[in-house]
Amino acid sequence: MNIDIPDVLPTPEPHGVPLLRRLAVVARRARPWRSPRARRVDRQAEARETARRHATRALHVYQDEDGMVVIRGRLAPEVGAMLVQALAAARETLYQRARSMWGAPLK
């Protein structure tokens, strides 16, 4: 194991940010020497978290009694980002249609 001692010695600097950077460097350098069991436990925890996220995803869309559309859901970050993008594009299209129909800027 080859760790430079000057990299890990704390120095008096404001707010401890440089010290945290040095500790992160030490942790990154030590990572390859972690035991296979610790790496396996990390992979298992990651697999459990992925399975939990997959199991809890849902999307419910329905029309309320007054005709309004209600959307409730829990989506993966990538899917959620696509949904937000699609809604923004649809909103912009509706805005442009209304603007062209009425011929005046909408506020």
Protein backbone atom coordinates (compact mmCIF):
# COMPACT_ATOMS: atom_id res chain seq x y z
CA MET A 1 0.00 0.00 0.00
CA ASN A 2 1.50 3.30 -1.07
CA ILE A 3 0.00 6.34 0.67
CA ASP A 4 1.81 9.67 0.73
CA ILE A 5 1.93 10.89 4.29
CA PRO A 6 1.73 14.61 3.37
CA ASP A 7 -1.59 13.95 1.61
CA VAL A 8 -3.28 12.71 4.76
CA LEU A 9 -1.89 15.07 7.39
CA PRO A 10 -4.44 17.74 8.35
CA THR A 11 -3.47 21.36 7.99
CA PRO A 12 -5.20 24.28 9.68
CA GLU A 13 -7.41 25.65 6.90
CA PRO A 14 -10.84 27.22 7.09
CA HIS A 15 -13.93 25.02 7.25
CA GLY A 16 -12.05 21.74 6.88
CA VAL A 17 -12.72 21.45 3.15
CA PRO A 18 -9.11 20.67 2.20
CA LEU A 19 -9.02 18.03 4.93
CA LEU A 20 -12.15 16.41 3.51
CA ARG A 21 -10.53 16.35 0.07
CA ARG A 22 -7.48 14.61 1.50
CA LEU A 23 -9.66 12.05 3.29
CA ALA A 24 -11.50 11.37 0.02
CA VAL A 25 -8.14 10.77 -1.68
CA VAL A 26 -7.16 8.29 1.03
CA ALA A 27 -10.49 6.47 0.76
CA ARG A 28 -10.15 6.28 -3.04
CA ARG A 29 -6.63 4.91 -2.76
CA ALA A 30 -7.66 2.32 -0.17
CA ARG A 31 -10.69 1.09 -2.14
CA PRO A 32 -8.79 -1.54 -4.19
CA TRP A 33 -7.58 -3.16 -0.94
CA ARG A 34 -11.06 -3.67 0.47
CA SER A 35 -11.87 -7.27 1.15
CA PRO A 36 -13.81 -9.30 -1.43
CA ARG A 37 -16.52 -9.79 1.21
CA ALA A 38 -16.93 -6.01 1.63
CA ARG A 39 -17.16 -5.55 -2.15
CA ARG A 40 -19.72 -8.39 -2.36
CA VAL A 41 -21.81 -6.80 0.42
CA ASP A 42 -21.73 -3.49 -1.49
CA ARG A 43 -22.92 -5.20 -4.69
CA GLN A 44 -25.68 -6.99 -2.78
CA ALA A 45 -26.86 -3.74 -1.18
CA GLU A 46 -26.87 -2.07 -4.59
CA ALA A 47 -28.88 -4.96 -6.05
CA ARG A 48 -31.42 -4.74 -3.19
CA GLU A 49 -31.77 -0.98 -3.72
CA THR A 50 -32.30 -1.47 -7.46
CA ALA A 51 -34.94 -4.14 -6.81
CA ARG A 52 -36.70 -1.91 -4.25
CA ARG A 53 -36.79 1.02 -6.68
CA HIS A 54 -38.12 -1.24 -9.43
CA ALA A 55 -40.83 -2.68 -7.19
CA THR A 56 -42.04 0.73 -5.95
CA ARG A 57 -42.37 2.40 -9.33
CA ALA A 58 -45.91 3.23 -10.43
CA LEU A 59 -47.88 5.68 -12.54
CA HIS A 60 -51.56 6.43 -12.00
CA VAL A 61 -53.45 8.71 -14.38
CA TYR A 62 -57.18 9.29 -13.99
CA GLN A 63 -59.87 11.87 -14.55
CA ASP A 64 -61.33 13.46 -11.44
CA GLU A 65 -65.07 13.99 -10.92
CA ASP A 66 -64.78 17.58 -12.18
CA GLY A 67 -63.00 16.50 -15.38
CA MET A 68 -59.46 17.44 -14.31
CA VAL A 69 -56.71 14.91 -15.06
CA VAL A 70 -54.79 13.69 -12.03
CA ILE A 71 -51.32 12.17 -12.37
CA ARG A 72 -49.59 10.40 -9.48
CA GLY A 73 -46.46 8.38 -9.78
CA ARG A 74 -43.07 7.23 -8.68
CA LEU A 75 -40.78 6.78 -11.66
CA ALA A 76 -37.15 5.94 -12.25
CA PRO A 77 -35.10 9.14 -12.65
CA GLU A 78 -34.61 8.60 -16.38
CA VAL A 79 -38.29 7.93 -17.03
CA GLY A 80 -39.31 10.85 -14.83
CA ALA A 81 -37.00 13.16 -16.76
CA MET A 82 -38.57 12.04 -20.05
CA LEU A 83 -42.07 12.62 -18.64
CA VAL A 84 -41.14 16.12 -17.47
CA GLN A 85 -39.65 16.87 -20.89
CA ALA A 86 -42.77 15.63 -22.67
CA LEU A 87 -45.05 17.70 -20.42
CA ALA A 88 -42.93 20.81 -20.99
CA ALA A 89 -43.08 20.28 -24.77
CA ALA A 90 -46.85 19.78 -24.64
CA ARG A 91 -47.27 22.90 -22.50
CA GLU A 92 -45.21 24.95 -24.97
CA THR A 93 -47.24 23.62 -27.93
CA LEU A 94 -50.52 24.53 -26.23
CA TYR A 95 -49.16 27.98 -25.38
CA GLN A 96 -48.09 28.61 -28.99
CA ARG A 97 -51.49 27.44 -30.32
CA ALA A 98 -53.37 29.72 -27.94
CA ARG A 99 -51.07 32.60 -28.76
CA SER A 100 -51.56 32.18 -32.52
CA MET A 101 -55.32 31.77 -32.11
CA TRP A 102 -55.77 34.92 -30.04
CA GLY A 103 -53.00 36.91 -31.68
CA ALA A 104 -51.79 38.52 -28.47
CA PRO A 105 -49.15 37.59 -25.92
CA LEU A 106 -50.56 35.51 -23.10
CA LYS A 107 -49.55 36.10 -19.51
